[in-house]
């Protein structure tokens, strides 16, 4: 069943009518409704183009959070071969919100790490909706240590509303674990590429996105806080999330201008949720284009480039 966002309700009505007509035709073979259904399909297509022509920052937040978007697990299963998952942080437990392990990307041995939200009620609860606890970040740090030791590039897939803010997570050192993962990312002597495939929320995302190259899907978001959280702090009113989303400059387009990211990966019309295969293929192509030049660089050059990148962040597009 297709899940429609709030601003897509007019589209849902048209596509629903087209499907109703086709269902009637299937029930009664004598009926010929293809002409009418095709007319509705065209109308729906035109409306879809219009809706996605110039999305506001808040609508991009809605698309980035769409439950039907492809998540980390789908990317790993499609783009990587010989995937060997590693579990646990060798300290407390295994965090299922973080996936990672050894794999091959275009036959190149790599370490892949990502945040997985789950795609149904059971898996979302198991994955804690993509919100990692300290053991998740320590698992990521362990994987980055392994990558550095064996000279393997690191590919990170970012999709989290933020690190888990629960009492247990705080007791086990959530902030320290995030800081250690971020520090390890910046110290890697191997190439690191990060792709924001949905939400990039706060320090929970930064720990996976302190990379040589950072890309974002066209309708993904990356920010220091959620629009709702920002609105609650600034205006004491979470309903002002639309204004907050604009002020945060959290869209891929804004972040490219600011120099926070390096590339925007186009999504199919209507968002990644409408064509998983095309979206995943586009991400794979972008990773390959970013990774190939980095593999040829020496460790010192990679460290220098990464350091310069983060020191320069925010200096572009400030007058815009």
C-alpha atoms as a PDB file:
ATOM      1  CA  UNK A   1       0.000   0.000   0.000  1.00  0.00           C
ATOM      2  CA  UNK A   2       1.356   3.404  -1.013  1.00  0.00           C
ATOM      3  CA  UNK A   3       1.993   5.818   1.844  1.00  0.00           C
ATOM      4  CA  UNK A   4       1.170   9.424   0.947  1.00  0.00           C
ATOM      5  CA  UNK A   5       2.535  12.454   2.744  1.00  0.00           C
ATOM      6  CA  UNK A   6       0.263  15.275   3.885  1.00  0.00           C
ATOM      7  CA  UNK A   7       1.044  17.507   0.908  1.00  0.00           C
ATOM      8  CA  UNK A   8       0.509  14.563  -1.475  1.00  0.00           C
ATOM      9  CA  UNK A   9      -3.189  14.096  -0.608  1.00  0.00           C
ATOM     10  CA  UNK A  10      -4.473  15.543  -3.928  1.00  0.00           C
ATOM     11  CA  UNK A  11      -2.183  13.071  -5.711  1.00  0.00           C
ATOM     12  CA  UNK A  12      -3.510  10.211  -3.578  1.00  0.00           C
ATOM     13  CA  UNK A  13      -7.079  11.001  -4.684  1.00  0.00           C
ATOM     14  CA  UNK A  14      -6.222  10.928  -8.388  1.00  0.00           C
ATOM     15  CA  UNK A  15      -4.096   7.785  -8.222  1.00  0.00           C
ATOM     16  CA  UNK A  16      -6.762   6.164  -6.041  1.00  0.00           C
ATOM     17  CA  UNK A  17      -9.457   6.854  -8.643  1.00  0.00           C
ATOM     18  CA  UNK A  18      -7.297   5.373 -11.401  1.00  0.00           C
ATOM     19  CA  UNK A  19      -6.748   2.226  -9.349  1.00  0.00           C
ATOM     20  CA  UNK A  20     -10.481   1.969  -8.568  1.00  0.00           C
ATOM     21  CA  UNK A  21     -11.294   2.085 -12.268  1.00  0.00           C
ATOM     22  CA  UNK A  22      -8.767  -0.664 -13.031  1.00  0.00           C
ATOM     23  CA  UNK A  23     -10.107  -2.762 -10.147  1.00  0.00           C
ATOM     24  CA  UNK A  24     -13.627  -2.470 -11.607  1.00  0.00           C
ATOM     25  CA  UNK A  25     -12.312  -3.521 -15.003  1.00  0.00           C
ATOM     26  CA  UNK A  26     -10.604  -6.573 -13.484  1.00  0.00           C
ATOM     27  CA  UNK A  27     -13.865  -7.560 -11.835  1.00  0.00           C
ATOM     28  CA  UNK A  28     -15.856  -7.036 -15.056  1.00  0.00           C
ATOM     29  CA  UNK A  29     -13.946  -8.023 -18.184  1.00  0.00           C
ATOM     30  CA  UNK A  30     -16.499  -6.299 -20.423  1.00  0.00           C
ATOM     31  CA  UNK A  31     -15.579  -2.888 -19.051  1.00  0.00           C
ATOM     32  CA  UNK A  32     -12.926  -0.858 -20.881  1.00  0.00           C
ATOM     33  CA  UNK A  33     -11.657   1.932 -18.679  1.00  0.00           C
ATOM     34  CA  UNK A  34      -8.073   2.183 -19.876  1.00  0.00           C
ATOM     35  CA  UNK A  35      -8.618   5.501 -21.653  1.00  0.00           C
ATOM     36  CA  UNK A  36     -10.091   7.109 -18.538  1.00  0.00           C
ATOM     37  CA  UNK A  37      -7.429   5.545 -16.305  1.00  0.00           C
ATOM     38  CA  UNK A  38      -4.653   6.716 -18.622  1.00  0.00           C
ATOM     39  CA  UNK A  39      -6.069  10.250 -18.446  1.00  0.00           C
ATOM     40  CA  UNK A  40      -5.955  10.100 -14.652  1.00  0.00           C
ATOM     41  CA  UNK A  41      -2.384   8.733 -14.805  1.00  0.00           C
ATOM     42  CA  UNK A  42      -1.327  11.725 -16.898  1.00  0.00           C
ATOM     43  CA  UNK A  43      -3.041  14.105 -14.522  1.00  0.00           C
ATOM     44  CA  UNK A  44      -1.298  12.427 -11.578  1.00  0.00           C
ATOM     45  CA  UNK A  45       2.064  12.627 -13.322  1.00  0.00           C
ATOM     46  CA  UNK A  46       1.647  16.338 -14.009  1.00  0.00           C
ATOM     47  CA  UNK A  47       0.613  16.949 -10.396  1.00  0.00           C
ATOM     48  CA  UNK A  48       3.600  14.957  -9.113  1.00  0.00           C
ATOM     49  CA  UNK A  49       5.972  17.126 -11.150  1.00  0.00           C
ATOM     50  CA  UNK A  50       4.305  20.243  -9.826  1.00  0.00           C
ATOM     51  CA  UNK A  51       4.439  19.078  -6.186  1.00  0.00           C
ATOM     52  CA  UNK A  52       8.135  18.193  -6.327  1.00  0.00           C
ATOM     53  CA  UNK A  53       9.215  21.096  -8.541  1.00  0.00           C
ATOM     54  CA  UNK A  54      10.193  23.331  -5.636  1.00  0.00           C
ATOM     55  CA  UNK A  55       9.806  21.626  -2.260  1.00  0.00           C
ATOM     56  CA  UNK A  56       9.995  23.767   0.859  1.00  0.00           C
ATOM     57  CA  UNK A  57      12.486  22.814   3.574  1.00  0.00           C
ATOM     58  CA  UNK A  58       9.696  21.358   5.722  1.00  0.00           C
ATOM     59  CA  UNK A  59       8.352  19.239   2.881  1.00  0.00           C
ATOM     60  CA  UNK A  60      11.870  17.945   2.273  1.00  0.00           C
ATOM     61  CA  UNK A  61      11.927  16.907   5.943  1.00  0.00           C
ATOM     62  CA  UNK A  62       8.737  14.941   5.367  1.00  0.00           C
ATOM     63  CA  UNK A  63      10.149  13.241   2.269  1.00  0.00           C
ATOM     64  CA  UNK A  64      13.439  12.446   4.043  1.00  0.00           C
ATOM     65  CA  UNK A  65      11.456  10.711   6.809  1.00  0.00           C
ATOM     66  CA  UNK A  66       9.165   8.812   4.436  1.00  0.00           C
ATOM     67  CA  UNK A  67       8.756   5.272   5.822  1.00  0.00           C
ATOM     68  CA  UNK A  68       9.013   3.734   2.345  1.00  0.00           C
ATOM     69  CA  UNK A  69      12.425   5.210   1.470  1.00  0.00           C
ATOM     70  CA  UNK A  70      15.157   2.601   0.965  1.00  0.00           C
ATOM     71  CA  UNK A  71      17.186   2.227   4.139  1.00  0.00           C
ATOM     72  CA  UNK A  72      20.742   1.152   4.915  1.00  0.00           C
ATOM     73  CA  UNK A  73      20.031  -2.597   4.723  1.00  0.00           C
ATOM     74  CA  UNK A  74      18.676  -2.271   1.169  1.00  0.00           C
ATOM     75  CA  UNK A  75      21.776  -0.356   0.019  1.00  0.00           C
ATOM     76  CA  UNK A  76      24.147  -2.898   1.554  1.00  0.00           C
ATOM     77  CA  UNK A  77      22.283  -5.848   0.051  1.00  0.00           C
ATOM     78  CA  UNK A  78      22.232  -4.252  -3.421  1.00  0.00           C
ATOM     79  CA  UNK A  79      25.533  -2.385  -3.766  1.00  0.00           C
ATOM     80  CA  UNK A  80      27.905  -4.603  -1.784  1.00  0.00           C
ATOM     81  CA  UNK A  81      29.000  -8.196  -2.208  1.00  0.00           C
ATOM     82  CA  UNK A  82      30.612 -10.658   0.232  1.00  0.00           C
ATOM     83  CA  UNK A  83      29.171  -8.663   3.121  1.00  0.00           C
ATOM     84  CA  UNK A  84      30.396 -10.014   6.457  1.00  0.00           C
ATOM     85  CA  UNK A  85      28.672  -8.221   9.360  1.00  0.00           C
ATOM     86  CA  UNK A  86      30.512  -7.522  12.599  1.00  0.00           C
ATOM     87  CA  UNK A  87      28.536  -7.353  15.826  1.00  0.00           C
ATOM     88  CA  UNK A  88      29.089  -5.803  19.228  1.00  0.00           C
ATOM     89  CA  UNK A  89      31.333  -3.173  20.752  1.00  0.00           C
ATOM     90  CA  UNK A  90      33.345  -5.641  22.907  1.00  0.00           C
ATOM     91  CA  UNK A  91      32.187  -3.691  25.921  1.00  0.00           C
ATOM     92  CA  UNK A  92      28.430  -3.889  26.506  1.00  0.00           C
ATOM     93  CA  UNK A  93      26.209  -5.175  23.683  1.00  0.00           C
ATOM     94  CA  UNK A  94      25.388  -5.179  19.981  1.00  0.00           C
ATOM     95  CA  UNK A  95      23.354  -2.175  18.821  1.00  0.00           C
ATOM     96  CA  UNK A  96      21.028  -3.171  16.002  1.00  0.00           C
ATOM     97  CA  UNK A  97      20.523   0.487  14.990  1.00  0.00           C
ATOM     98  CA  UNK A  98      24.029   0.339  13.497  1.00  0.00           C
ATOM     99  CA  UNK A  99      24.953  -2.086  10.724  1.00  0.00           C
ATOM    100  CA  UNK A 100      28.511  -2.628   9.599  1.00  0.00           C
ATOM    101  CA  UNK A 101      31.107  -5.048   8.416  1.00  0.00           C
ATOM    102  CA  UNK A 102      33.550  -6.068   5.723  1.00  0.00           C
ATOM    103  CA  UNK A 103      32.361  -6.135   2.125  1.00  0.00           C
ATOM    104  CA  UNK A 104      33.314  -5.540  -1.486  1.00  0.00           C
ATOM    105  CA  UNK A 105      32.186  -2.529  -3.488  1.00  0.00           C
ATOM    106  CA  UNK A 106      32.813  -2.942  -7.218  1.00  0.00           C
ATOM    107  CA  UNK A 107      35.229  -5.737  -6.159  1.00  0.00           C
ATOM    108  CA  UNK A 108      37.142  -3.263  -3.940  1.00  0.00           C
ATOM    109  CA  UNK A 109      37.435  -4.476  -0.313  1.00  0.00           C
ATOM    110  CA  UNK A 110      35.837  -1.891   1.994  1.00  0.00           C
ATOM    111  CA  UNK A 111      34.318  -1.410   5.431  1.00  0.00           C
ATOM    112  CA  UNK A 112      30.686  -0.305   5.283  1.00  0.00           C
ATOM    113  CA  UNK A 113      28.846   1.278   8.242  1.00  0.00           C
ATOM    114  CA  UNK A 114      25.311   2.593   8.393  1.00  0.00           C
ATOM    115  CA  UNK A 115      22.270   3.394  10.507  1.00  0.00           C
ATOM    116  CA  UNK A 116      19.222   1.224   9.876  1.00  0.00           C
ATOM    117  CA  UNK A 117      15.694   2.396  10.782  1.00  0.00           C
ATOM    118  CA  UNK A 118      13.757  -0.758   9.894  1.00  0.00           C
ATOM    119  CA  UNK A 119      10.790  -1.044   7.534  1.00  0.00           C
ATOM    120  CA  UNK A 120       7.937  -2.432   9.657  1.00  0.00           C
ATOM    121  CA  UNK A 121       6.847  -2.222  13.281  1.00  0.00           C
ATOM    122  CA  UNK A 122       8.906  -5.184  14.459  1.00  0.00           C
ATOM    123  CA  UNK A 123      12.137  -4.182  12.713  1.00  0.00           C
ATOM    124  CA  UNK A 124      11.751  -0.503  13.667  1.00  0.00           C
ATOM    125  CA  UNK A 125      11.529  -1.431  17.335  1.00  0.00           C
ATOM    126  CA  UNK A 126      14.487  -3.816  16.980  1.00  0.00           C
ATOM    127  CA  UNK A 127      16.537  -1.103  15.229  1.00  0.00           C
ATOM    128  CA  UNK A 128      15.348   1.591  17.677  1.00  0.00           C
ATOM    129  CA  UNK A 129      14.191   3.678  14.686  1.00  0.00           C
ATOM    130  CA  UNK A 130      17.809   4.253  13.661  1.00  0.00           C
ATOM    131  CA  UNK A 131      18.742   5.955  16.940  1.00  0.00           C
ATOM    132  CA  UNK A 132      22.036   4.460  18.077  1.00  0.00           C
ATOM    133  CA  UNK A 133      23.109   3.975  21.684  1.00  0.00           C
ATOM    134  CA  UNK A 134      26.746   4.283  22.850  1.00  0.00           C
ATOM    135  CA  UNK A 135      27.465   0.678  21.883  1.00  0.00           C
ATOM    136  CA  UNK A 136      26.453   1.518  18.304  1.00  0.00           C
ATOM    137  CA  UNK A 137      29.021   4.304  18.071  1.00  0.00           C
ATOM    138  CA  UNK A 138      31.642   2.100  19.738  1.00  0.00           C
ATOM    139  CA  UNK A 139      30.883  -0.585  17.172  1.00  0.00           C
ATOM    140  CA  UNK A 140      31.432   2.014  14.433  1.00  0.00           C
ATOM    141  CA  UNK A 141      34.733   3.062  16.041  1.00  0.00           C
ATOM    142  CA  UNK A 142      35.805  -0.585  16.181  1.00  0.00           C
ATOM    143  CA  UNK A 143      35.033  -0.964  12.472  1.00  0.00           C
ATOM    144  CA  UNK A 144      36.987   2.191  11.615  1.00  0.00           C
ATOM    145  CA  UNK A 145      39.963   0.876  13.614  1.00  0.00           C
ATOM    146  CA  UNK A 146      39.782  -2.305  11.557  1.00  0.00           C
ATOM    147  CA  UNK A 147      39.613  -0.333   8.301  1.00  0.00           C
ATOM    148  CA  UNK A 148      42.665   1.726   9.251  1.00  0.00           C
ATOM    149  CA  UNK A 149      44.650  -1.343  10.267  1.00  0.00           C
ATOM    150  CA  UNK A 150      44.059  -3.132   6.971  1.00  0.00           C
ATOM    151  CA  UNK A 151      43.996  -0.110   4.662  1.00  0.00           C
ATOM    152  CA  UNK A 152      40.335  -0.442   3.681  1.00  0.00           C
ATOM    153  CA  UNK A 153      38.198   2.521   2.542  1.00  0.00           C
ATOM    154  CA  UNK A 154      35.211   3.317   4.767  1.00  0.00           C
ATOM    155  CA  UNK A 155      31.752   3.926   3.302  1.00  0.00           C
ATOM    156  CA  UNK A 156      29.132   5.285   5.720  1.00  0.00           C
ATOM    157  CA  UNK A 157      25.379   5.506   5.107  1.00  0.00           C
ATOM    158  CA  UNK A 158      23.733   8.119   7.321  1.00  0.00           C
ATOM    159  CA  UNK A 159      20.055   7.877   8.247  1.00  0.00           C
ATOM    160  CA  UNK A 160      19.150   8.809  11.816  1.00  0.00           C
ATOM    161  CA  UNK A 161      16.941  11.346  13.575  1.00  0.00           C
ATOM    162  CA  UNK A 162      19.777  11.545  16.129  1.00  0.00           C
ATOM    163  CA  UNK A 163      21.490   9.525  18.821  1.00  0.00           C
ATOM    164  CA  UNK A 164      19.181   7.833  21.336  1.00  0.00           C
ATOM    165  CA  UNK A 165      18.597  10.225  24.299  1.00  0.00           C
ATOM    166  CA  UNK A 166      17.516   7.598  26.840  1.00  0.00           C
ATOM    167  CA  UNK A 167      18.718   7.379  30.443  1.00  0.00           C
ATOM    168  CA  UNK A 168      20.631   4.139  29.892  1.00  0.00           C
ATOM    169  CA  UNK A 169      22.437   5.580  26.886  1.00  0.00           C
ATOM    170  CA  UNK A 170      23.498   8.623  28.897  1.00  0.00           C
ATOM    171  CA  UNK A 171      24.666   6.420  31.784  1.00  0.00           C
ATOM    172  CA  UNK A 172      26.849   4.409  29.403  1.00  0.00           C
ATOM    173  CA  UNK A 173      28.521   7.516  27.950  1.00  0.00           C
ATOM    174  CA  UNK A 174      26.547   8.539  24.883  1.00  0.00           C
ATOM    175  CA  UNK A 175      28.334  11.866  24.342  1.00  0.00           C
ATOM    176  CA  UNK A 176      31.778  10.334  24.817  1.00  0.00           C
ATOM    177  CA  UNK A 177      31.003   7.505  22.383  1.00  0.00           C
ATOM    178  CA  UNK A 178      29.835   9.968  19.703  1.00  0.00           C
ATOM    179  CA  UNK A 179      32.913  12.140  20.254  1.00  0.00           C
ATOM    180  CA  UNK A 180      35.236   9.118  19.969  1.00  0.00           C
ATOM    181  CA  UNK A 181      33.583   7.999  16.712  1.00  0.00           C
ATOM    182  CA  UNK A 182      33.833  11.522  15.278  1.00  0.00           C
ATOM    183  CA  UNK A 183      37.485  11.758  16.353  1.00  0.00           C
ATOM    184  CA  UNK A 184      38.248   8.377  14.780  1.00  0.00           C
ATOM    185  CA  UNK A 185      36.634   9.444  11.511  1.00  0.00           C
ATOM    186  CA  UNK A 186      38.857  12.515  11.352  1.00  0.00           C
ATOM    187  CA  UNK A 187      42.009  10.501  12.090  1.00  0.00           C
ATOM    188  CA  UNK A 188      41.516   7.787   9.465  1.00  0.00           C
ATOM    189  CA  UNK A 189      44.425   7.295   7.079  1.00  0.00           C
ATOM    190  CA  UNK A 190      42.143   5.630   4.551  1.00  0.00           C
ATOM    191  CA  UNK A 191      39.455   7.215   2.323  1.00  0.00           C
ATOM    192  CA  UNK A 192      36.088   7.778   3.978  1.00  0.00           C
ATOM    193  CA  UNK A 193      32.890   8.572   2.090  1.00  0.00           C
ATOM    194  CA  UNK A 194      29.544   9.378   3.721  1.00  0.00           C
ATOM    195  CA  UNK A 195      26.137   9.526   2.057  1.00  0.00           C
ATOM    196  CA  UNK A 196      23.088  10.975   3.813  1.00  0.00           C
ATOM    197  CA  UNK A 197      20.298   8.755   2.493  1.00  0.00           C
ATOM    198  CA  UNK A 198      17.479  10.112   4.676  1.00  0.00           C
ATOM    199  CA  UNK A 199      17.865  12.054   7.893  1.00  0.00           C
ATOM    200  CA  UNK A 200      21.185  13.312   9.203  1.00  0.00           C
ATOM    201  CA  UNK A 201      20.332  14.350  12.740  1.00  0.00           C
ATOM    202  CA  UNK A 202      22.753  16.129  15.078  1.00  0.00           C
ATOM    203  CA  UNK A 203      25.888  14.507  16.529  1.00  0.00           C
ATOM    204  CA  UNK A 204      24.402  11.104  15.822  1.00  0.00           C
ATOM    205  CA  UNK A 205      24.968  11.815  12.139  1.00  0.00           C
ATOM    206  CA  UNK A 206      28.243  13.749  12.454  1.00  0.00           C
ATOM    207  CA  UNK A 207      29.927  10.660  13.942  1.00  0.00           C
ATOM    208  CA  UNK A 208      29.296   8.910  10.612  1.00  0.00           C
ATOM    209  CA  UNK A 209      29.769  11.933   8.347  1.00  0.00           C
ATOM    210  CA  UNK A 210      33.217  13.323   9.222  1.00  0.00           C
ATOM    211  CA  UNK A 211      34.498  12.097   5.886  1.00  0.00           C
ATOM    212  CA  UNK A 212      36.689  13.083   2.943  1.00  0.00           C
ATOM    213  CA  UNK A 213      33.609  13.324   0.752  1.00  0.00           C
ATOM    214  CA  UNK A 214      30.001  13.814   1.831  1.00  0.00           C
ATOM    215  CA  UNK A 215      27.029  13.393  -0.501  1.00  0.00           C
ATOM    216  CA  UNK A 216      23.308  13.764   0.111  1.00  0.00           C
ATOM    217  CA  UNK A 217      20.298  12.439  -1.704  1.00  0.00           C
ATOM    218  CA  UNK A 218      18.307  15.281  -3.247  1.00  0.00           C
ATOM    219  CA  UNK A 219      15.498  15.231  -0.674  1.00  0.00           C
ATOM    220  CA  UNK A 220      17.500  14.207   2.401  1.00  0.00           C
ATOM    221  CA  UNK A 221      18.233  16.553   5.328  1.00  0.00           C
ATOM    222  CA  UNK A 222      21.246  17.167   7.588  1.00  0.00           C
ATOM    223  CA  UNK A 223      21.041  19.447  10.626  1.00  0.00           C
ATOM    224  CA  UNK A 224      22.204  20.123  14.159  1.00  0.00           C
ATOM    225  CA  UNK A 225      18.668  19.611  15.520  1.00  0.00           C
ATOM    226  CA  UNK A 226      15.245  18.602  14.220  1.00  0.00           C
ATOM    227  CA  UNK A 227      12.906  21.436  13.137  1.00  0.00           C
ATOM    228  CA  UNK A 228      10.471  20.428  15.898  1.00  0.00           C
ATOM    229  CA  UNK A 229      13.216  20.534  18.526  1.00  0.00           C
ATOM    230  CA  UNK A 230      14.501  23.873  17.256  1.00  0.00           C
ATOM    231  CA  UNK A 231      10.995  25.371  17.291  1.00  0.00           C
ATOM    232  CA  UNK A 232      10.389  24.113  20.836  1.00  0.00           C
ATOM    233  CA  UNK A 233      13.561  25.822  22.055  1.00  0.00           C
ATOM    234  CA  UNK A 234      13.332  29.106  20.128  1.00  0.00           C
ATOM    235  CA  UNK A 235       9.586  29.719  20.097  1.00  0.00           C
ATOM    236  CA  UNK A 236       8.368  27.293  22.792  1.00  0.00           C
ATOM    237  CA  UNK A 237       6.065  25.961  20.095  1.00  0.00           C
ATOM    238  CA  UNK A 238       6.823  22.782  18.113  1.00  0.00           C
ATOM    239  CA  UNK A 239       4.159  23.801  15.571  1.00  0.00           C
ATOM    240  CA  UNK A 240       6.572  26.425  14.222  1.00  0.00           C
ATOM    241  CA  UNK A 241       8.642  23.620  12.692  1.00  0.00           C
ATOM    242  CA  UNK A 242       8.132  25.030   9.182  1.00  0.00           C
ATOM    243  CA  UNK A 243       9.837  28.296  10.097  1.00  0.00           C
ATOM    244  CA  UNK A 244      12.558  26.364  11.926  1.00  0.00           C
ATOM    245  CA  UNK A 245      13.202  24.138   8.912  1.00  0.00           C
ATOM    246  CA  UNK A 246      13.812  27.199   6.733  1.00  0.00           C
ATOM    247  CA  UNK A 247      16.090  28.827   9.321  1.00  0.00           C
ATOM    248  CA  UNK A 248      18.201  25.695   9.843  1.00  0.00           C
ATOM    249  CA  UNK A 249      19.227  25.519   6.162  1.00  0.00           C
ATOM    250  CA  UNK A 250      19.121  21.751   6.376  1.00  0.00           C
ATOM    251  CA  UNK A 251      18.432  20.849   2.740  1.00  0.00           C
ATOM    252  CA  UNK A 252      21.031  19.337   0.438  1.00  0.00           C
ATOM    253  CA  UNK A 253      20.832  22.428  -1.770  1.00  0.00           C
ATOM    254  CA  UNK A 254      21.607  24.799   1.130  1.00  0.00           C
ATOM    255  CA  UNK A 255      24.405  22.613   2.475  1.00  0.00           C
ATOM    256  CA  UNK A 256      26.093  22.358  -0.910  1.00  0.00           C
ATOM    257  CA  UNK A 257      26.198  26.170  -1.093  1.00  0.00           C
ATOM    258  CA  UNK A 258      27.703  26.315   2.414  1.00  0.00           C
ATOM    259  CA  UNK A 259      30.361  23.752   1.552  1.00  0.00           C
ATOM    260  CA  UNK A 260      29.154  21.262   4.165  1.00  0.00           C
ATOM    261  CA  UNK A 261      28.611  18.598   1.511  1.00  0.00           C
ATOM    262  CA  UNK A 262      30.314  17.906  -1.805  1.00  0.00           C
ATOM    263  CA  UNK A 263      27.577  16.471  -3.994  1.00  0.00           C
ATOM    264  CA  UNK A 264      23.814  16.105  -4.392  1.00  0.00           C
ATOM    265  CA  UNK A 265      22.569  12.768  -5.725  1.00  0.00           C
ATOM    266  CA  UNK A 266      19.352  13.157  -7.774  1.00  0.00           C
ATOM    267  CA  UNK A 267      16.277  11.197  -6.706  1.00  0.00           C
ATOM    268  CA  UNK A 268      13.526   9.830  -8.965  1.00  0.00           C
ATOM    269  CA  UNK A 269      10.524  12.095  -9.463  1.00  0.00           C
ATOM    270  CA  UNK A 270       8.418  11.872  -6.325  1.00  0.00           C
ATOM    271  CA  UNK A 271      11.334  10.871  -4.082  1.00  0.00           C
ATOM    272  CA  UNK A 272      13.439   7.792  -3.424  1.00  0.00           C
ATOM    273  CA  UNK A 273      10.396   5.929  -2.083  1.00  0.00           C
ATOM    274  CA  UNK A 274       8.890   5.739  -5.583  1.00  0.00           C
ATOM    275  CA  UNK A 275      11.823   3.906  -7.178  1.00  0.00           C
ATOM    276  CA  UNK A 276      14.222   2.080  -4.855  1.00  0.00           C
ATOM    277  CA  UNK A 277      16.200   0.488  -7.655  1.00  0.00           C
ATOM    278  CA  UNK A 278      16.980   3.771  -9.436  1.00  0.00           C
ATOM    279  CA  UNK A 279      17.844   5.529  -6.158  1.00  0.00           C
ATOM    280  CA  UNK A 280      20.231   2.820  -4.977  1.00  0.00           C
ATOM    281  CA  UNK A 281      21.886   2.692  -8.411  1.00  0.00           C
ATOM    282  CA  UNK A 282      22.401   6.479  -8.341  1.00  0.00           C
ATOM    283  CA  UNK A 283      23.989   6.271  -4.874  1.00  0.00           C
ATOM    284  CA  UNK A 284      26.275   3.469  -6.034  1.00  0.00           C
ATOM    285  CA  UNK A 285      27.384   5.500  -9.042  1.00  0.00           C
ATOM    286  CA  UNK A 286      28.101   8.530  -6.831  1.00  0.00           C
ATOM    287  CA  UNK A 287      30.105   6.483  -4.304  1.00  0.00           C
ATOM    288  CA  UNK A 288      32.194   5.015  -7.115  1.00  0.00           C
ATOM    289  CA  UNK A 289      32.920   8.462  -8.587  1.00  0.00           C
ATOM    290  CA  UNK A 290      33.982   9.823  -5.176  1.00  0.00           C
ATOM    291  CA  UNK A 291      35.976   6.771  -4.100  1.00  0.00           C
ATOM    292  CA  UNK A 292      38.149   6.185  -7.170  1.00  0.00           C
ATOM    293  CA  UNK A 293      40.250   9.402  -6.907  1.00  0.00           C
ATOM    294  CA  UNK A 294      40.620   9.014  -3.113  1.00  0.00           C
ATOM    295  CA  UNK A 295      42.047   5.498  -3.344  1.00  0.00           C
ATOM    296  CA  UNK A 296      45.039   6.902  -5.213  1.00  0.00           C
ATOM    297  CA  UNK A 297      45.867   9.438  -2.476  1.00  0.00           C
ATOM    298  CA  UNK A 298      48.488   8.807   0.196  1.00  0.00           C
ATOM    299  CA  UNK A 299      47.453   8.682   3.888  1.00  0.00           C
ATOM    300  CA  UNK A 300      48.941  12.096   4.709  1.00  0.00           C
ATOM    301  CA  UNK A 301      47.142  13.669   1.752  1.00  0.00           C
ATOM    302  CA  UNK A 302      43.825  12.157   2.882  1.00  0.00           C
ATOM    303  CA  UNK A 303      44.288  13.515   6.410  1.00  0.00           C
ATOM    304  CA  UNK A 304      45.242  16.955   5.098  1.00  0.00           C
ATOM    305  CA  UNK A 305      42.295  17.091   2.698  1.00  0.00           C
ATOM    306  CA  UNK A 306      39.825  16.027   5.395  1.00  0.00           C
ATOM    307  CA  UNK A 307      41.213  18.582   7.874  1.00  0.00           C
ATOM    308  CA  UNK A 308      40.995  21.405   5.338  1.00  0.00           C
ATOM    309  CA  UNK A 309      37.468  20.394   4.383  1.00  0.00           C
ATOM    310  CA  UNK A 310      36.172  20.735   7.932  1.00  0.00           C
ATOM    311  CA  UNK A 311      38.074  23.926   8.665  1.00  0.00           C
ATOM    312  CA  UNK A 312      36.545  25.486   5.541  1.00  0.00           C
ATOM    313  CA  UNK A 313      32.980  24.401   6.342  1.00  0.00           C
ATOM    314  CA  UNK A 314      30.467  27.221   6.591  1.00  0.00           C
ATOM    315  CA  UNK A 315      32.688  29.787   4.903  1.00  0.00           C
ATOM    316  CA  UNK A 316      30.884  29.420   1.569  1.00  0.00           C
ATOM    317  CA  UNK A 317      27.538  30.955   0.737  1.00  0.00           C
ATOM    318  CA  UNK A 318      27.269  33.039   3.914  1.00  0.00           C
ATOM    319  CA  UNK A 319      26.136  36.088   1.959  1.00  0.00           C
ATOM    320  CA  UNK A 320      23.404  34.097   0.207  1.00  0.00           C
END
